[in-house]
Amino acid sequence: MKHEINPQESNRAEAFNMWMSSPVPMVTLVKTFDVSRLVKVSKKSGMKFNVLMCWCIGKAASSIKEFHILPEQDKLFQFDELAINIVVQNVKGGINLCDVPFADNIEQFNANYLELTSKAASSCQSTALEDYMIIGTSALPQTELDCIVNQYSGRWNNPFLAWGRYRKWLFKTTLPISLQFHHAQMDGAHACHFLNNLQDEINKMKKIVSTSRENQNSTET
């Protein structure tokens, strides 16, 4: 559910007054993550690396209240649920955007991800979840990238994460990820909290997948 809130009655009042009139209110932070756990779990479970990364993003954001609000056209909105936006390569060689609702159960999120992205790719049609807070993502595995700064058009103020191909080292695998966000939505401290949460969720991935599948098997039995 999406509903408008009074920014002056929220904890974003001062930031809203300062940054909504700024011509370029977006901030970009870059952090290099240890994604060794995601690579191992992806190979062992058969889940796509990008599915695991997007689930970790949703999980890391879900506990931070600033990720549930969004400034739009001089207004501030609050959302009950999150979704991850995926850039999908379609069958005609172009791209479409696909919103995948975040589910705390990783097996459910994986099923949603595969179904919705496959549909977007085959139909060449983008999908949007209007009542969800959308976190944008873009994966460019064609090459290693140090940083990605997204365009700022003034039309989309949603937080946006982007990454390239991960780097394999002798003992670990790393991946720089860029986070862009609107300063009226959150401050640098909130963004840093999210980035730390994201690394924590990545580190816990093996246990999360194992527990989810044990619960699924128990339910089916």
C-alpha atoms as a PDB file:
ATOM      1  CA  MET A   1       0.000   0.000   0.000  1.00  0.00           C
ATOM      2  CA  LYS A   2       1.179   3.528  -0.857  1.00  0.00           C
ATOM      3  CA  HIS A   3       0.020   6.624   0.996  1.00  0.00           C
ATOM      4  CA  GLU A   4       1.107  10.260   1.196  1.00  0.00           C
ATOM      5  CA  ILE A   5       2.605  11.558   4.432  1.00  0.00           C
ATOM      6  CA  ASN A   6       3.308  15.096   5.579  1.00  0.00           C
ATOM      7  CA  PRO A   7       7.077  15.573   5.264  1.00  0.00           C
ATOM      8  CA  GLN A   8       7.022  18.255   7.972  1.00  0.00           C
ATOM      9  CA  GLU A   9       5.663  15.693  10.429  1.00  0.00           C
ATOM     10  CA  SER A  10       8.306  13.100   9.528  1.00  0.00           C
ATOM     11  CA  ASN A  11      11.936  12.688  10.517  1.00  0.00           C
ATOM     12  CA  ARG A  12      12.860  13.776   6.963  1.00  0.00           C
ATOM     13  CA  ALA A  13      11.456  17.313   7.364  1.00  0.00           C
ATOM     14  CA  GLU A  14      14.769  19.193   7.326  1.00  0.00           C
ATOM     15  CA  ALA A  15      16.267  17.048   4.559  1.00  0.00           C
ATOM     16  CA  PHE A  16      13.075  17.399   2.509  1.00  0.00           C
ATOM     17  CA  ASN A  17      13.212  21.206   2.795  1.00  0.00           C
ATOM     18  CA  MET A  18      16.894  21.265   1.859  1.00  0.00           C
ATOM     19  CA  TRP A  19      17.013  18.803  -1.013  1.00  0.00           C
ATOM     20  CA  MET A  20      13.668  18.772  -2.842  1.00  0.00           C
ATOM     21  CA  SER A  21      14.580  22.040  -4.584  1.00  0.00           C
ATOM     22  CA  SER A  22      18.120  20.933  -5.418  1.00  0.00           C
ATOM     23  CA  PRO A  23      18.741  20.449  -9.175  1.00  0.00           C
ATOM     24  CA  VAL A  24      20.845  17.336  -8.463  1.00  0.00           C
ATOM     25  CA  PRO A  25      19.780  15.818  -5.125  1.00  0.00           C
ATOM     26  CA  MET A  26      21.110  12.326  -5.808  1.00  0.00           C
ATOM     27  CA  VAL A  27      24.049  10.876  -3.849  1.00  0.00           C
ATOM     28  CA  THR A  28      26.181   7.932  -4.996  1.00  0.00           C
ATOM     29  CA  LEU A  29      28.175   5.673  -2.679  1.00  0.00           C
ATOM     30  CA  VAL A  30      30.350   2.749  -3.807  1.00  0.00           C
ATOM     31  CA  LYS A  31      31.391  -0.219  -1.679  1.00  0.00           C
ATOM     32  CA  THR A  32      33.330  -3.336  -2.624  1.00  0.00           C
ATOM     33  CA  PHE A  33      31.608  -6.453  -1.297  1.00  0.00           C
ATOM     34  CA  ASP A  34      32.919  -9.921  -0.590  1.00  0.00           C
ATOM     35  CA  VAL A  35      30.467 -12.046  -2.601  1.00  0.00           C
ATOM     36  CA  SER A  36      32.292 -15.363  -2.200  1.00  0.00           C
ATOM     37  CA  ARG A  37      29.314 -16.811  -0.326  1.00  0.00           C
ATOM     38  CA  LEU A  38      26.836 -15.829  -3.052  1.00  0.00           C
ATOM     39  CA  VAL A  39      28.950 -17.437  -5.772  1.00  0.00           C
ATOM     40  CA  LYS A  40      29.225 -20.693  -3.810  1.00  0.00           C
ATOM     41  CA  VAL A  41      25.520 -20.813  -2.938  1.00  0.00           C
ATOM     42  CA  SER A  42      24.567 -20.005  -6.529  1.00  0.00           C
ATOM     43  CA  LYS A  43      26.605 -22.921  -7.857  1.00  0.00           C
ATOM     44  CA  LYS A  44      25.389 -25.332  -5.191  1.00  0.00           C
ATOM     45  CA  SER A  45      21.692 -24.386  -5.177  1.00  0.00           C
ATOM     46  CA  GLY A  46      21.248 -23.634  -8.879  1.00  0.00           C
ATOM     47  CA  MET A  47      19.795 -20.192  -8.089  1.00  0.00           C
ATOM     48  CA  LYS A  48      21.059 -17.374 -10.274  1.00  0.00           C
ATOM     49  CA  PHE A  49      23.657 -15.086  -8.729  1.00  0.00           C
ATOM     50  CA  ASN A  50      21.495 -12.095  -9.610  1.00  0.00           C
ATOM     51  CA  VAL A  51      18.478 -13.617  -7.818  1.00  0.00           C
ATOM     52  CA  LEU A  52      20.516 -14.057  -4.651  1.00  0.00           C
ATOM     53  CA  MET A  53      21.942 -10.541  -4.875  1.00  0.00           C
ATOM     54  CA  CYS A  54      18.519  -8.964  -5.420  1.00  0.00           C
ATOM     55  CA  TRP A  55      17.045 -10.923  -2.504  1.00  0.00           C
ATOM     56  CA  CYS A  56      19.887  -9.733  -0.251  1.00  0.00           C
ATOM     57  CA  ILE A  57      19.212  -6.145  -1.345  1.00  0.00           C
ATOM     58  CA  GLY A  58      15.533  -6.458  -0.456  1.00  0.00           C
ATOM     59  CA  LYS A  59      16.306  -8.125   2.854  1.00  0.00           C
ATOM     60  CA  ALA A  60      18.913  -5.504   3.806  1.00  0.00           C
ATOM     61  CA  ALA A  61      16.531  -2.649   2.918  1.00  0.00           C
ATOM     62  CA  SER A  62      13.435  -4.107   4.590  1.00  0.00           C
ATOM     63  CA  SER A  63      14.560  -3.235   8.132  1.00  0.00           C
ATOM     64  CA  ILE A  64      15.486   0.397   7.293  1.00  0.00           C
ATOM     65  CA  LYS A  65      12.437   2.675   7.433  1.00  0.00           C
ATOM     66  CA  GLU A  66      13.951   5.253   5.055  1.00  0.00           C
ATOM     67  CA  PHE A  67      13.789   2.650   2.288  1.00  0.00           C
ATOM     68  CA  HIS A  68      10.007   2.621   2.695  1.00  0.00           C
ATOM     69  CA  ILE A  69       9.573   6.314   1.850  1.00  0.00           C
ATOM     70  CA  LEU A  70      10.041   8.161  -1.438  1.00  0.00           C
ATOM     71  CA  PRO A  71       9.977  11.844  -2.457  1.00  0.00           C
ATOM     72  CA  GLU A  72       7.937  12.435  -5.615  1.00  0.00           C
ATOM     73  CA  GLN A  73       6.974  15.790  -7.151  1.00  0.00           C
ATOM     74  CA  ASP A  74       7.284  17.806  -3.926  1.00  0.00           C
ATOM     75  CA  LYS A  75       5.415  15.120  -1.969  1.00  0.00           C
ATOM     76  CA  LEU A  76       6.541  12.330   0.332  1.00  0.00           C
ATOM     77  CA  PHE A  77       5.040   8.855   0.145  1.00  0.00           C
ATOM     78  CA  GLN A  78       5.297   5.845   2.430  1.00  0.00           C
ATOM     79  CA  PHE A  79       5.060   2.212   1.288  1.00  0.00           C
ATOM     80  CA  ASP A  80       4.258  -0.967   3.171  1.00  0.00           C
ATOM     81  CA  GLU A  81       6.045  -3.333   0.786  1.00  0.00           C
ATOM     82  CA  LEU A  82       9.227  -3.401  -1.284  1.00  0.00           C
ATOM     83  CA  ALA A  83       9.939  -4.640  -4.785  1.00  0.00           C
ATOM     84  CA  ILE A  84      13.136  -4.984  -6.788  1.00  0.00           C
ATOM     85  CA  ASN A  85      13.262  -3.618 -10.317  1.00  0.00           C
ATOM     86  CA  ILE A  86      15.196  -5.785 -12.803  1.00  0.00           C
ATOM     87  CA  VAL A  87      16.481  -4.779 -16.239  1.00  0.00           C
ATOM     88  CA  VAL A  88      15.538  -7.677 -18.538  1.00  0.00           C
ATOM     89  CA  GLN A  89      16.996  -8.476 -21.964  1.00  0.00           C
ATOM     90  CA  ASN A  90      14.022  -9.279 -24.179  1.00  0.00           C
ATOM     91  CA  VAL A  91      13.763 -11.641 -27.156  1.00  0.00           C
ATOM     92  CA  LYS A  92      14.026  -8.771 -29.637  1.00  0.00           C
ATOM     93  CA  GLY A  93      17.418  -7.709 -28.320  1.00  0.00           C
ATOM     94  CA  GLY A  94      16.107  -4.727 -26.383  1.00  0.00           C
ATOM     95  CA  ILE A  95      15.395  -4.269 -22.682  1.00  0.00           C
ATOM     96  CA  ASN A  96      12.338  -4.094 -20.469  1.00  0.00           C
ATOM     97  CA  LEU A  97      11.890  -3.271 -16.796  1.00  0.00           C
ATOM     98  CA  CYS A  98      10.335  -5.777 -14.438  1.00  0.00           C
ATOM     99  CA  ASP A  99       9.260  -5.198 -10.811  1.00  0.00           C
ATOM    100  CA  VAL A 100       9.599  -8.285  -8.617  1.00  0.00           C
ATOM    101  CA  PRO A 101       7.889  -8.105  -5.190  1.00  0.00           C
ATOM    102  CA  PHE A 102      10.268  -8.837  -2.346  1.00  0.00           C
ATOM    103  CA  ALA A 103       9.408 -11.950  -0.334  1.00  0.00           C
ATOM    104  CA  ASP A 104      11.138 -12.789   2.928  1.00  0.00           C
ATOM    105  CA  ASN A 105      11.131 -16.439   1.827  1.00  0.00           C
ATOM    106  CA  ILE A 106      13.950 -16.728  -0.692  1.00  0.00           C
ATOM    107  CA  GLU A 107      12.357 -19.674  -2.514  1.00  0.00           C
ATOM    108  CA  GLN A 108       9.216 -17.599  -3.116  1.00  0.00           C
ATOM    109  CA  PHE A 109      11.282 -14.631  -4.296  1.00  0.00           C
ATOM    110  CA  ASN A 110      13.198 -16.904  -6.666  1.00  0.00           C
ATOM    111  CA  ALA A 111       9.948 -18.236  -8.119  1.00  0.00           C
ATOM    112  CA  ASN A 112       8.563 -14.704  -8.549  1.00  0.00           C
ATOM    113  CA  TYR A 113      11.800 -13.525 -10.134  1.00  0.00           C
ATOM    114  CA  LEU A 114      11.984 -16.346 -12.684  1.00  0.00           C
ATOM    115  CA  GLU A 115       8.301 -16.131 -13.622  1.00  0.00           C
ATOM    116  CA  LEU A 116       8.107 -12.344 -13.997  1.00  0.00           C
ATOM    117  CA  THR A 117      11.437 -11.776 -15.747  1.00  0.00           C
ATOM    118  CA  SER A 118      10.717 -14.639 -18.166  1.00  0.00           C
ATOM    119  CA  LYS A 119       7.336 -13.107 -18.974  1.00  0.00           C
ATOM    120  CA  ALA A 120       8.865  -9.663 -19.523  1.00  0.00           C
ATOM    121  CA  ALA A 121      11.570 -11.105 -21.784  1.00  0.00           C
ATOM    122  CA  SER A 122       9.132 -13.063 -23.957  1.00  0.00           C
ATOM    123  CA  SER A 123       6.395 -10.414 -24.141  1.00  0.00           C
ATOM    124  CA  CYS A 124       8.790  -7.447 -24.543  1.00  0.00           C
ATOM    125  CA  GLN A 125       6.593  -5.554 -22.084  1.00  0.00           C
ATOM    126  CA  SER A 126       7.654  -3.801 -18.897  1.00  0.00           C
ATOM    127  CA  THR A 127       5.751  -4.317 -15.665  1.00  0.00           C
ATOM    128  CA  ALA A 128       5.318  -1.915 -12.739  1.00  0.00           C
ATOM    129  CA  LEU A 129       4.012  -2.355  -9.199  1.00  0.00           C
ATOM    130  CA  GLU A 130       2.556   1.051  -8.356  1.00  0.00           C
ATOM    131  CA  ASP A 131       1.843   0.326  -4.676  1.00  0.00           C
ATOM    132  CA  TYR A 132       5.340  -0.979  -3.899  1.00  0.00           C
ATOM    133  CA  MET A 133       8.471   0.941  -2.984  1.00  0.00           C
ATOM    134  CA  ILE A 134      10.767   0.098  -5.905  1.00  0.00           C
ATOM    135  CA  ILE A 135      14.500  -0.393  -5.495  1.00  0.00           C
ATOM    136  CA  GLY A 136      16.155  -0.198  -8.899  1.00  0.00           C
ATOM    137  CA  THR A 137      18.980  -2.522  -9.939  1.00  0.00           C
ATOM    138  CA  SER A 138      21.114  -3.046 -13.017  1.00  0.00           C
ATOM    139  CA  ALA A 139      23.605  -5.885 -13.530  1.00  0.00           C
ATOM    140  CA  LEU A 140      26.246  -5.553 -16.256  1.00  0.00           C
ATOM    141  CA  PRO A 141      28.204  -8.823 -16.097  1.00  0.00           C
ATOM    142  CA  GLN A 142      29.818  -8.235 -19.483  1.00  0.00           C
ATOM    143  CA  THR A 143      32.875  -6.620 -17.842  1.00  0.00           C
ATOM    144  CA  GLU A 144      34.362  -5.624 -14.486  1.00  0.00           C
ATOM    145  CA  LEU A 145      33.358  -2.127 -13.375  1.00  0.00           C
ATOM    146  CA  ASP A 146      34.702   0.040 -10.565  1.00  0.00           C
ATOM    147  CA  CYS A 147      31.670   2.331 -10.328  1.00  0.00           C
ATOM    148  CA  ILE A 148      28.351   3.077 -12.030  1.00  0.00           C
ATOM    149  CA  VAL A 149      26.609   6.444 -11.708  1.00  0.00           C
ATOM    150  CA  ASN A 150      23.049   6.368 -13.008  1.00  0.00           C
ATOM    151  CA  GLN A 151      21.393   9.212 -14.900  1.00  0.00           C
ATOM    152  CA  TYR A 152      19.418  11.726 -12.906  1.00  0.00           C
ATOM    153  CA  SER A 153      16.390  12.841 -14.863  1.00  0.00           C
ATOM    154  CA  GLY A 154      14.175  14.119 -12.047  1.00  0.00           C
ATOM    155  CA  ARG A 155      11.546  11.559 -13.013  1.00  0.00           C
ATOM    156  CA  TRP A 156      12.689   8.638 -10.852  1.00  0.00           C
ATOM    157  CA  ASN A 157      13.951   9.299  -7.329  1.00  0.00           C
ATOM    158  CA  ASN A 158      14.095   5.645  -6.264  1.00  0.00           C
ATOM    159  CA  PRO A 159      17.280   4.186  -4.787  1.00  0.00           C
ATOM    160  CA  PHE A 160      19.286   2.409  -7.446  1.00  0.00           C
ATOM    161  CA  LEU A 161      22.051  -0.215  -7.195  1.00  0.00           C
ATOM    162  CA  ALA A 162      24.283  -1.328 -10.054  1.00  0.00           C
ATOM    163  CA  TRP A 163      27.228  -3.658 -10.508  1.00  0.00           C
ATOM    164  CA  GLY A 164      29.352  -5.322 -13.167  1.00  0.00           C
ATOM    165  CA  ARG A 165      31.159  -8.669 -13.301  1.00  0.00           C
ATOM    166  CA  TYR A 166      32.518  -9.964 -10.012  1.00  0.00           C
ATOM    167  CA  ARG A 167      36.264 -10.380  -9.585  1.00  0.00           C
ATOM    168  CA  LYS A 168      37.788 -13.715  -8.602  1.00  0.00           C
ATOM    169  CA  TRP A 169      40.858 -13.616  -6.392  1.00  0.00           C
ATOM    170  CA  LEU A 170      42.853 -16.435  -4.822  1.00  0.00           C
ATOM    171  CA  PHE A 171      40.790 -16.707  -1.640  1.00  0.00           C
ATOM    172  CA  LYS A 172      37.687 -14.610  -2.266  1.00  0.00           C
ATOM    173  CA  THR A 173      35.418 -13.050  -4.877  1.00  0.00           C
ATOM    174  CA  THR A 174      34.670  -9.328  -4.757  1.00  0.00           C
ATOM    175  CA  LEU A 175      32.162  -7.019  -6.408  1.00  0.00           C
ATOM    176  CA  PRO A 176      31.989  -3.188  -6.324  1.00  0.00           C
ATOM    177  CA  ILE A 177      28.360  -2.021  -6.048  1.00  0.00           C
ATOM    178  CA  SER A 178      27.122   1.540  -6.558  1.00  0.00           C
ATOM    179  CA  LEU A 179      24.184   2.843  -4.516  1.00  0.00           C
ATOM    180  CA  GLN A 180      22.428   6.015  -5.688  1.00  0.00           C
ATOM    181  CA  PHE A 181      19.722   7.625  -3.551  1.00  0.00           C
ATOM    182  CA  HIS A 182      17.762  10.857  -3.163  1.00  0.00           C
ATOM    183  CA  HIS A 183      19.055  12.932  -0.262  1.00  0.00           C
ATOM    184  CA  ALA A 184      15.522  13.848   0.820  1.00  0.00           C
ATOM    185  CA  GLN A 185      14.829  10.142   1.310  1.00  0.00           C
ATOM    186  CA  MET A 186      17.839   9.305   3.422  1.00  0.00           C
ATOM    187  CA  ASP A 187      21.171  10.569   4.692  1.00  0.00           C
ATOM    188  CA  GLY A 188      24.606   9.074   4.185  1.00  0.00           C
ATOM    189  CA  ALA A 189      24.419   7.318   7.545  1.00  0.00           C
ATOM    190  CA  HIS A 190      21.253   5.480   6.498  1.00  0.00           C
ATOM    191  CA  ALA A 191      22.879   4.455   3.222  1.00  0.00           C
ATOM    192  CA  CYS A 192      25.967   3.186   5.061  1.00  0.00           C
ATOM    193  CA  HIS A 193      23.734   1.205   7.420  1.00  0.00           C
ATOM    194  CA  PHE A 194      22.083  -0.388   4.403  1.00  0.00           C
ATOM    195  CA  LEU A 195      25.428  -1.256   2.779  1.00  0.00           C
ATOM    196  CA  ASN A 196      26.609  -2.886   6.005  1.00  0.00           C
ATOM    197  CA  ASN A 197      23.313  -4.793   6.210  1.00  0.00           C
ATOM    198  CA  LEU A 198      23.799  -5.961   2.642  1.00  0.00           C
ATOM    199  CA  GLN A 199      27.201  -7.471   3.403  1.00  0.00           C
ATOM    200  CA  ASP A 200      25.727  -9.170   6.487  1.00  0.00           C
ATOM    201  CA  GLU A 201      22.907 -10.705   4.426  1.00  0.00           C
ATOM    202  CA  ILE A 202      25.398 -11.934   1.828  1.00  0.00           C
ATOM    203  CA  ASN A 203      27.474 -13.542   4.580  1.00  0.00           C
ATOM    204  CA  LYS A 204      24.394 -15.363   5.953  1.00  0.00           C
ATOM    205  CA  MET A 205      23.232 -16.647   2.575  1.00  0.00           C
ATOM    206  CA  LYS A 206      24.193 -20.337   2.904  1.00  0.00           C
ATOM    207  CA  LYS A 207      22.274 -20.714   6.161  1.00  0.00           C
ATOM    208  CA  ILE A 208      19.242 -18.841   4.815  1.00  0.00           C
ATOM    209  CA  VAL A 209      18.921 -21.019   1.703  1.00  0.00           C
ATOM    210  CA  SER A 210      19.393 -24.227   3.691  1.00  0.00           C
ATOM    211  CA  THR A 211      16.774 -23.229   6.278  1.00  0.00           C
ATOM    212  CA  SER A 212      14.297 -22.185   3.591  1.00  0.00           C
ATOM    213  CA  ARG A 213      14.594 -25.495   1.784  1.00  0.00           C
ATOM    214  CA  GLU A 214      14.325 -27.481   5.020  1.00  0.00           C
ATOM    215  CA  ASN A 215      11.087 -25.616   5.843  1.00  0.00           C
ATOM    216  CA  GLN A 216       9.770 -26.217   2.336  1.00  0.00           C
ATOM    217  CA  ASN A 217      10.501 -29.938   2.518  1.00  0.00           C
ATOM    218  CA  SER A 218       8.863 -30.134   5.952  1.00  0.00           C
ATOM    219  CA  THR A 219       5.721 -28.437   4.629  1.00  0.00           C
ATOM    220  CA  GLU A 220       5.540 -30.710   1.605  1.00  0.00           C
ATOM    221  CA  THR A 221       5.974 -33.793   3.796  1.00  0.00           C
END
